[in-house]
């Protein structure tokens, strides 16, 4: 689910769990669920069509470049098309 999108936009260090790639991944609990609260989501858009809906699955951890994201400390870098 990540290889083709990374290839499509030219992100050469993304899209695989392999030597030389960024090790971006999410730990997903498919047997859990959660109620959507737009205020608690970690994205820029302040609204969601899923507000107050129960959704299956829950992300337990997110790793970018092999480092755990705490959602408090800004990390990462903005990648443009074709950048490594």
PDB file of N, CA and C in Angstrom:
ATOM      1  N   UNK A   1       0.817  -1.192   0.000  1.00  0.00           N
ATOM      2  CA  UNK A   1       0.000   0.000   0.000  1.00  0.00           C
ATOM      3  C   UNK A   1       0.861   1.256   0.000  1.00  0.00           C
ATOM      4  N   UNK A   2       2.161   1.116   0.048  1.00  0.00           N
ATOM      5  CA  UNK A   2       3.003   2.313   0.045  1.00  0.00           C
ATOM      6  C   UNK A   2       3.967   2.372  -1.122  1.00  0.00           C
ATOM      7  N   UNK A   3       4.272   1.228  -1.722  1.00  0.00           N
ATOM      8  CA  UNK A   3       5.266   1.200  -2.797  1.00  0.00           C
ATOM      9  C   UNK A   3       4.823   2.022  -3.999  1.00  0.00           C
ATOM     10  N   UNK A   4       3.655   1.759  -4.516  1.00  0.00           N
ATOM     11  CA  UNK A   4       3.196   2.471  -5.720  1.00  0.00           C
ATOM     12  C   UNK A   4       3.010   3.969  -5.495  1.00  0.00           C
ATOM     13  N   UNK A   5       2.384   4.398  -4.369  1.00  0.00           N
ATOM     14  CA  UNK A   5       2.279   5.844  -4.153  1.00  0.00           C
ATOM     15  C   UNK A   5       3.644   6.530  -4.087  1.00  0.00           C
ATOM     16  N   UNK A   6       4.610   5.902  -3.421  1.00  0.00           N
ATOM     17  CA  UNK A   6       5.954   6.491  -3.340  1.00  0.00           C
ATOM     18  C   UNK A   6       6.580   6.584  -4.736  1.00  0.00           C
ATOM     19  N   UNK A   7       6.427   5.528  -5.526  1.00  0.00           N
ATOM     20  CA  UNK A   7       6.955   5.549  -6.900  1.00  0.00           C
ATOM     21  C   UNK A   7       6.260   6.624  -7.733  1.00  0.00           C
ATOM     22  N   UNK A   8       4.979   6.725  -7.567  1.00  0.00           N
ATOM     23  CA  UNK A   8       4.192   7.674  -8.380  1.00  0.00           C
ATOM     24  C   UNK A   8       4.643   9.124  -8.188  1.00  0.00           C
ATOM     25  N   UNK A   9       4.977   9.492  -6.961  1.00  0.00           N
ATOM     26  CA  UNK A   9       5.396  10.872  -6.698  1.00  0.00           C
ATOM     27  C   UNK A   9       6.909  11.031  -6.644  1.00  0.00           C
ATOM     28  N   UNK A  10       7.639   9.946  -6.901  1.00  0.00           N
ATOM     29  CA  UNK A  10       9.086  10.032  -7.001  1.00  0.00           C
ATOM     30  C   UNK A  10       9.831  10.103  -5.692  1.00  0.00           C
ATOM     31  N   UNK A  11       9.269   9.543  -4.619  1.00  0.00           N
ATOM     32  CA  UNK A  11       9.962   9.525  -3.327  1.00  0.00           C
ATOM     33  C   UNK A  11      10.808   8.249  -3.263  1.00  0.00           C
ATOM     34  N   UNK A  12      12.067   8.369  -3.580  1.00  0.00           N
ATOM     35  CA  UNK A  12      12.925   7.202  -3.723  1.00  0.00           C
ATOM     36  C   UNK A  12      13.317   6.531  -2.414  1.00  0.00           C
ATOM     37  N   UNK A  13      13.226   7.208  -1.285  1.00  0.00           N
ATOM     38  CA  UNK A  13      13.608   6.591  -0.011  1.00  0.00           C
ATOM     39  C   UNK A  13      12.389   6.106   0.781  1.00  0.00           C
ATOM     40  N   UNK A  14      11.230   6.099   0.142  1.00  0.00           N
ATOM     41  CA  UNK A  14       9.981   5.706   0.796  1.00  0.00           C
ATOM     42  C   UNK A  14       9.374   4.493   0.088  1.00  0.00           C
ATOM     43  N   UNK A  15       8.426   3.833   0.750  1.00  0.00           N
ATOM     44  CA  UNK A  15       7.618   2.820   0.079  1.00  0.00           C
ATOM     45  C   UNK A  15       8.008   1.379   0.327  1.00  0.00           C
ATOM     46  N   UNK A  16       9.050   1.118   1.085  1.00  0.00           N
ATOM     47  CA  UNK A  16       9.463  -0.260   1.362  1.00  0.00           C
ATOM     48  C   UNK A  16      10.081  -0.365   2.755  1.00  0.00           C
ATOM     49  N   UNK A  17      10.021  -1.556   3.317  1.00  0.00           N
ATOM     50  CA  UNK A  17      10.783  -1.867   4.515  1.00  0.00           C
ATOM     51  C   UNK A  17      11.986  -2.667   4.029  1.00  0.00           C
ATOM     52  N   UNK A  18      13.054  -1.947   3.745  1.00  0.00           N
ATOM     53  CA  UNK A  18      14.236  -2.554   3.162  1.00  0.00           C
ATOM     54  C   UNK A  18      15.449  -1.688   3.456  1.00  0.00           C
ATOM     55  N   UNK A  19      16.625  -2.273   3.400  1.00  0.00           N
ATOM     56  CA  UNK A  19      17.868  -1.559   3.627  1.00  0.00           C
ATOM     57  C   UNK A  19      17.960  -0.348   2.707  1.00  0.00           C
ATOM     58  N   UNK A  20      18.243   0.818   3.294  1.00  0.00           N
ATOM     59  CA  UNK A  20      18.363   2.039   2.514  1.00  0.00           C
ATOM     60  C   UNK A  20      17.078   2.853   2.408  1.00  0.00           C
ATOM     61  N   UNK A  21      15.975   2.338   2.930  1.00  0.00           N
ATOM     62  CA  UNK A  21      14.703   3.055   2.918  1.00  0.00           C
ATOM     63  C   UNK A  21      14.434   3.632   4.305  1.00  0.00           C
ATOM     64  N   UNK A  22      13.455   4.509   4.433  1.00  0.00           N
ATOM     65  CA  UNK A  22      13.261   5.317   5.640  1.00  0.00           C
ATOM     66  C   UNK A  22      12.656   4.615   6.852  1.00  0.00           C
ATOM     67  N   UNK A  23      12.136   3.421   6.739  1.00  0.00           N
ATOM     68  CA  UNK A  23      11.524   2.700   7.868  1.00  0.00           C
ATOM     69  C   UNK A  23      10.361   3.478   8.477  1.00  0.00           C
ATOM     70  N   UNK A  24       9.447   3.955   7.627  1.00  0.00           N
ATOM     71  CA  UNK A  24       8.209   4.585   8.082  1.00  0.00           C
ATOM     72  C   UNK A  24       7.154   3.485   8.200  1.00  0.00           C
ATOM     73  N   UNK A  25       6.494   3.397   9.342  1.00  0.00           N
ATOM     74  CA  UNK A  25       5.470   2.364   9.497  1.00  0.00           C
ATOM     75  C   UNK A  25       4.509   2.715  10.626  1.00  0.00           C
ATOM     76  N   UNK A  26       3.410   1.999  10.654  1.00  0.00           N
ATOM     77  CA  UNK A  26       2.429   2.153  11.725  1.00  0.00           C
ATOM     78  C   UNK A  26       2.134   0.786  12.316  1.00  0.00           C
ATOM     79  N   UNK A  27       1.978   0.727  13.644  1.00  0.00           N
ATOM     80  CA  UNK A  27       1.567  -0.493  14.322  1.00  0.00           C
ATOM     81  C   UNK A  27       0.055  -0.380  14.479  1.00  0.00           C
ATOM     82  N   UNK A  28      -0.675  -1.309  13.875  1.00  0.00           N
ATOM     83  CA  UNK A  28      -2.127  -1.225  13.745  1.00  0.00           C
ATOM     84  C   UNK A  28      -2.793  -2.378  14.485  1.00  0.00           C
ATOM     85  N   UNK A  29      -3.744  -2.057  15.361  1.00  0.00           N
ATOM     86  CA  UNK A  29      -4.511  -3.065  16.094  1.00  0.00           C
ATOM     87  C   UNK A  29      -5.865  -3.237  15.404  1.00  0.00           C
ATOM     88  N   UNK A  30      -5.977  -4.257  14.570  1.00  0.00           N
ATOM     89  CA  UNK A  30      -7.202  -4.436  13.783  1.00  0.00           C
ATOM     90  C   UNK A  30      -8.397  -4.887  14.615  1.00  0.00           C
ATOM     91  N   UNK A  31      -8.159  -5.427  15.804  1.00  0.00           N
ATOM     92  CA  UNK A  31      -9.252  -5.906  16.638  1.00  0.00           C
ATOM     93  C   UNK A  31      -9.798  -4.837  17.590  1.00  0.00           C
ATOM     94  N   UNK A  32      -9.243  -3.645  17.556  1.00  0.00           N
ATOM     95  CA  UNK A  32      -9.739  -2.543  18.385  1.00  0.00           C
ATOM     96  C   UNK A  32     -10.559  -1.588  17.523  1.00  0.00           C
ATOM     97  N   UNK A  33     -11.275  -0.680  18.177  1.00  0.00           N
ATOM     98  CA  UNK A  33     -12.024   0.355  17.461  1.00  0.00           C
ATOM     99  C   UNK A  33     -11.904   1.650  18.248  1.00  0.00           C
ATOM    100  N   UNK A  34     -12.354   2.741  17.637  1.00  0.00           N
ATOM    101  CA  UNK A  34     -12.317   4.029  18.329  1.00  0.00           C
ATOM    102  C   UNK A  34     -13.406   4.936  17.791  1.00  0.00           C
ATOM    103  N   UNK A  35     -13.795   5.914  18.605  1.00  0.00           N
ATOM    104  CA  UNK A  35     -14.778   6.921  18.203  1.00  0.00           C
ATOM    105  C   UNK A  35     -13.998   8.139  17.716  1.00  0.00           C
ATOM    106  N   UNK A  36     -14.311   8.615  16.526  1.00  0.00           N
ATOM    107  CA  UNK A  36     -13.589   9.734  15.929  1.00  0.00           C
ATOM    108  C   UNK A  36     -13.951  11.039  16.627  1.00  0.00           C
ATOM    109  N   UNK A  37     -12.902  11.761  17.019  1.00  0.00           N
ATOM    110  CA  UNK A  37     -13.030  13.093  17.592  1.00  0.00           C
ATOM    111  C   UNK A  37     -12.073  13.989  16.819  1.00  0.00           C
ATOM    112  N   UNK A  38     -12.593  14.895  16.008  1.00  0.00           N
ATOM    113  CA  UNK A  38     -11.758  15.738  15.145  1.00  0.00           C
ATOM    114  C   UNK A  38     -10.702  16.505  15.928  1.00  0.00           C
ATOM    115  N   UNK A  39     -11.004  16.893  17.156  1.00  0.00           N
ATOM    116  CA  UNK A  39     -10.044  17.644  17.969  1.00  0.00           C
ATOM    117  C   UNK A  39      -8.840  16.795  18.379  1.00  0.00           C
ATOM    118  N   UNK A  40      -9.019  15.488  18.421  1.00  0.00           N
ATOM    119  CA  UNK A  40      -7.938  14.592  18.846  1.00  0.00           C
ATOM    120  C   UNK A  40      -7.129  14.038  17.672  1.00  0.00           C
ATOM    121  N   UNK A  41      -7.566  14.293  16.440  1.00  0.00           N
ATOM    122  CA  UNK A  41      -6.837  13.776  15.274  1.00  0.00           C
ATOM    123  C   UNK A  41      -5.564  14.573  15.042  1.00  0.00           C
ATOM    124  N   UNK A  42      -4.555  13.907  14.540  1.00  0.00           N
ATOM    125  CA  UNK A  42      -3.264  14.552  14.288  1.00  0.00           C
ATOM    126  C   UNK A  42      -3.130  14.928  12.811  1.00  0.00           C
ATOM    127  N   UNK A  43      -3.948  15.866  12.393  1.00  0.00           N
ATOM    128  CA  UNK A  43      -3.846  16.410  11.040  1.00  0.00           C
ATOM    129  C   UNK A  43      -4.299  17.859  11.044  1.00  0.00           C
ATOM    130  N   UNK A  44      -4.010  18.552   9.960  1.00  0.00           N
ATOM    131  CA  UNK A  44      -4.285  19.997   9.902  1.00  0.00           C
ATOM    132  C   UNK A  44      -5.765  20.342   9.765  1.00  0.00           C
ATOM    133  N   UNK A  45      -6.528  19.492   9.082  1.00  0.00           N
ATOM    134  CA  UNK A  45      -7.925  19.802   8.820  1.00  0.00           C
ATOM    135  C   UNK A  45      -8.742  19.691  10.107  1.00  0.00           C
ATOM    136  N   UNK A  46      -9.433  20.754  10.510  1.00  0.00           N
ATOM    137  CA  UNK A  46     -10.170  20.744  11.777  1.00  0.00           C
ATOM    138  C   UNK A  46     -11.527  20.030  11.724  1.00  0.00           C
ATOM    139  N   UNK A  47     -11.899  19.517  10.563  1.00  0.00           N
ATOM    140  CA  UNK A  47     -13.187  18.826  10.452  1.00  0.00           C
ATOM    141  C   UNK A  47     -12.987  17.455   9.810  1.00  0.00           C
ATOM    142  N   UNK A  48     -13.951  16.569  10.021  1.00  0.00           N
ATOM    143  CA  UNK A  48     -13.926  15.244   9.414  1.00  0.00           C
ATOM    144  C   UNK A  48     -15.364  14.766   9.219  1.00  0.00           C
ATOM    145  N   UNK A  49     -15.653  14.068   8.130  1.00  0.00           N
ATOM    146  CA  UNK A  49     -16.996  13.517   7.948  1.00  0.00           C
ATOM    147  C   UNK A  49     -17.262  12.334   8.877  1.00  0.00           C
ATOM    148  N   UNK A  50     -16.243  11.869   9.571  1.00  0.00           N
ATOM    149  CA  UNK A  50     -16.374  10.713  10.452  1.00  0.00           C
ATOM    150  C   UNK A  50     -16.578  11.083  11.919  1.00  0.00           C
ATOM    151  N   UNK A  51     -16.778  12.353  12.210  1.00  0.00           N
ATOM    152  CA  UNK A  51     -16.966  12.816  13.594  1.00  0.00           C
ATOM    153  C   UNK A  51     -18.008  11.971  14.319  1.00  0.00           C
ATOM    154  N   UNK A  52     -17.652  11.481  15.509  1.00  0.00           N
ATOM    155  CA  UNK A  52     -18.516  10.688  16.392  1.00  0.00           C
ATOM    156  C   UNK A  52     -18.861   9.292  15.869  1.00  0.00           C
ATOM    157  N   UNK A  53     -18.243   8.866  14.785  1.00  0.00           N
ATOM    158  CA  UNK A  53     -18.486   7.521  14.259  1.00  0.00           C
ATOM    159  C   UNK A  53     -17.488   6.545  14.891  1.00  0.00           C
ATOM    160  N   UNK A  54     -17.931   5.322  15.078  1.00  0.00           N
ATOM    161  CA  UNK A  54     -17.045   4.269  15.577  1.00  0.00           C
ATOM    162  C   UNK A  54     -16.392   3.614  14.367  1.00  0.00           C
ATOM    163  N   UNK A  55     -15.056   3.618  14.334  1.00  0.00           N
ATOM    164  CA  UNK A  55     -14.315   3.025  13.224  1.00  0.00           C
ATOM    165  C   UNK A  55     -13.499   1.833  13.719  1.00  0.00           C
ATOM    166  N   UNK A  56     -13.416   0.795  12.883  1.00  0.00           N
ATOM    167  CA  UNK A  56     -12.631  -0.376  13.267  1.00  0.00           C
ATOM    168  C   UNK A  56     -11.137  -0.134  13.083  1.00  0.00           C
ATOM    169  N   UNK A  57     -10.345  -0.759  13.941  1.00  0.00           N
ATOM    170  CA  UNK A  57      -8.899  -0.642  13.854  1.00  0.00           C
ATOM    171  C   UNK A  57      -8.391   0.602  14.558  1.00  0.00           C
ATOM    172  N   UNK A  58      -7.164   0.507  15.074  1.00  0.00           N
ATOM    173  CA  UNK A  58      -6.598   1.639  15.795  1.00  0.00           C
ATOM    174  C   UNK A  58      -5.086   1.629  15.616  1.00  0.00           C
ATOM    175  N   UNK A  59      -4.528   2.779  15.278  1.00  0.00           N
ATOM    176  CA  UNK A  59      -3.081   2.897  15.173  1.00  0.00           C
ATOM    177  C   UNK A  59      -2.520   3.022  16.585  1.00  0.00           C
ATOM    178  N   UNK A  60      -1.622   2.118  16.948  1.00  0.00           N
ATOM    179  CA  UNK A  60      -1.035   2.114  18.290  1.00  0.00           C
ATOM    180  C   UNK A  60       0.270   2.889  18.352  1.00  0.00           C
ATOM    181  N   UNK A  61       1.075   2.817  17.290  1.00  0.00           N
ATOM    182  CA  UNK A  61       2.341   3.544  17.223  1.00  0.00           C
ATOM    183  C   UNK A  61       2.587   3.952  15.776  1.00  0.00           C
ATOM    184  N   UNK A  62       3.310   5.055  15.612  1.00  0.00           N
ATOM    185  CA  UNK A  62       3.749   5.494  14.297  1.00  0.00           C
ATOM    186  C   UNK A  62       5.251   5.713  14.369  1.00  0.00           C
ATOM    187  N   UNK A  63       5.953   5.193  13.376  1.00  0.00           N
ATOM    188  CA  UNK A  63       7.400   5.381  13.298  1.00  0.00           C
ATOM    189  C   UNK A  63       7.748   6.045  11.968  1.00  0.00           C
ATOM    190  N   UNK A  64       8.580   7.054  12.033  1.00  0.00           N
ATOM    191  CA  UNK A  64       9.072   7.740  10.835  1.00  0.00           C
ATOM    192  C   UNK A  64      10.593   7.684  10.902  1.00  0.00           C
ATOM    193  N   UNK A  65      11.182   7.112   9.886  1.00  0.00           N
ATOM    194  CA  UNK A  65      12.628   6.937   9.891  1.00  0.00           C
ATOM    195  C   UNK A  65      13.087   6.038  11.023  1.00  0.00           C
ATOM    196  N   UNK A  66      12.208   5.117  11.440  1.00  0.00           N
ATOM    197  CA  UNK A  66      12.531   4.200  12.519  1.00  0.00           C
ATOM    198  C   UNK A  66      12.389   4.790  13.908  1.00  0.00           C
ATOM    199  N   UNK A  67      11.991   6.059  14.012  1.00  0.00           N
ATOM    200  CA  UNK A  67      11.842   6.724  15.310  1.00  0.00           C
ATOM    201  C   UNK A  67      10.361   6.866  15.660  1.00  0.00           C
ATOM    202  N   UNK A  68      10.014   6.537  16.910  1.00  0.00           N
ATOM    203  CA  UNK A  68       8.624   6.632  17.366  1.00  0.00           C
ATOM    204  C   UNK A  68       8.186   8.099  17.399  1.00  0.00           C
ATOM    205  N   UNK A  69       6.987   8.351  16.902  1.00  0.00           N
ATOM    206  CA  UNK A  69       6.404   9.693  16.895  1.00  0.00           C
ATOM    207  C   UNK A  69       5.573   9.866  18.161  1.00  0.00           C
ATOM    208  N   UNK A  70       5.813  10.960  18.885  1.00  0.00           N
ATOM    209  CA  UNK A  70       5.064  11.196  20.124  1.00  0.00           C
ATOM    210  C   UNK A  70       3.909  12.189  19.933  1.00  0.00           C
ATOM    211  N   UNK A  71       3.752  12.735  18.748  1.00  0.00           N
ATOM    212  CA  UNK A  71       2.692  13.696  18.414  1.00  0.00           C
ATOM    213  C   UNK A  71       2.799  14.998  19.193  1.00  0.00           C
ATOM    214  N   UNK A  72       3.908  15.218  19.876  1.00  0.00           N
ATOM    215  CA  UNK A  72       4.144  16.472  20.589  1.00  0.00           C
ATOM    216  C   UNK A  72       5.336  17.213  19.995  1.00  0.00           C
ATOM    217  N   UNK A  73       6.371  16.464  19.623  1.00  0.00           N
ATOM    218  CA  UNK A  73       7.610  17.041  19.118  1.00  0.00           C
ATOM    219  C   UNK A  73       7.592  17.061  17.592  1.00  0.00           C
ATOM    220  N   UNK A  74       7.682  18.226  16.975  1.00  0.00           N
ATOM    221  CA  UNK A  74       7.721  18.270  15.508  1.00  0.00           C
ATOM    222  C   UNK A  74       8.969  17.568  14.984  1.00  0.00           C
ATOM    223  N   UNK A  75       8.780  16.705  13.990  1.00  0.00           N
ATOM    224  CA  UNK A  75       9.894  15.973  13.391  1.00  0.00           C
ATOM    225  C   UNK A  75       9.705  15.899  11.891  1.00  0.00           C
ATOM    226  N   UNK A  76      10.687  15.346  11.225  1.00  0.00           N
ATOM    227  CA  UNK A  76      10.572  15.088   9.790  1.00  0.00           C
ATOM    228  C   UNK A  76      11.001  16.263   8.954  1.00  0.00           C
ATOM    229  N   UNK A  77      10.777  16.105   7.680  1.00  0.00           N
ATOM    230  CA  UNK A  77      11.139  17.147   6.713  1.00  0.00           C
ATOM    231  C   UNK A  77      10.132  17.110   5.569  1.00  0.00           C
ATOM    232  N   UNK A  78       9.942  18.229   4.945  1.00  0.00           N
ATOM    233  CA  UNK A  78       9.039  18.312   3.812  1.00  0.00           C
ATOM    234  C   UNK A  78       9.751  17.755   2.593  1.00  0.00           C
ATOM    235  N   UNK A  79       9.154  16.780   1.938  1.00  0.00           N
ATOM    236  CA  UNK A  79       9.741  16.164   0.758  1.00  0.00           C
ATOM    237  C   UNK A  79       9.038  16.648  -0.499  1.00  0.00           C
ATOM    238  N   UNK A  80       9.802  17.033  -1.466  1.00  0.00           N
ATOM    239  CA  UNK A  80       9.252  17.402  -2.757  1.00  0.00           C
ATOM    240  C   UNK A  80       9.407  16.260  -3.743  1.00  0.00           C
ATOM    241  N   UNK A  81       8.782  16.376  -4.886  1.00  0.00           N
ATOM    242  CA  UNK A  81       8.836  15.350  -5.910  1.00  0.00           C
ATOM    243  C   UNK A  81      10.291  15.060  -6.302  1.00  0.00           C
ATOM    244  N   UNK A  82      10.652  13.778  -6.253  1.00  0.00           N
ATOM    245  CA  UNK A  82      11.971  13.348  -6.693  1.00  0.00           C
ATOM    246  C   UNK A  82      13.084  13.511  -5.682  1.00  0.00           C
ATOM    247  N   UNK A  83      12.771  14.000  -4.481  1.00  0.00           N
ATOM    248  CA  UNK A  83      13.810  14.163  -3.463  1.00  0.00           C
ATOM    249  C   UNK A  83      14.064  12.837  -2.755  1.00  0.00           C
ATOM    250  N   UNK A  84      15.292  12.654  -2.317  1.00  0.00           N
ATOM    251  CA  UNK A  84      15.663  11.442  -1.572  1.00  0.00           C
ATOM    252  C   UNK A  84      15.462  11.685  -0.104  1.00  0.00           C
TER     253      UNK A  84
END
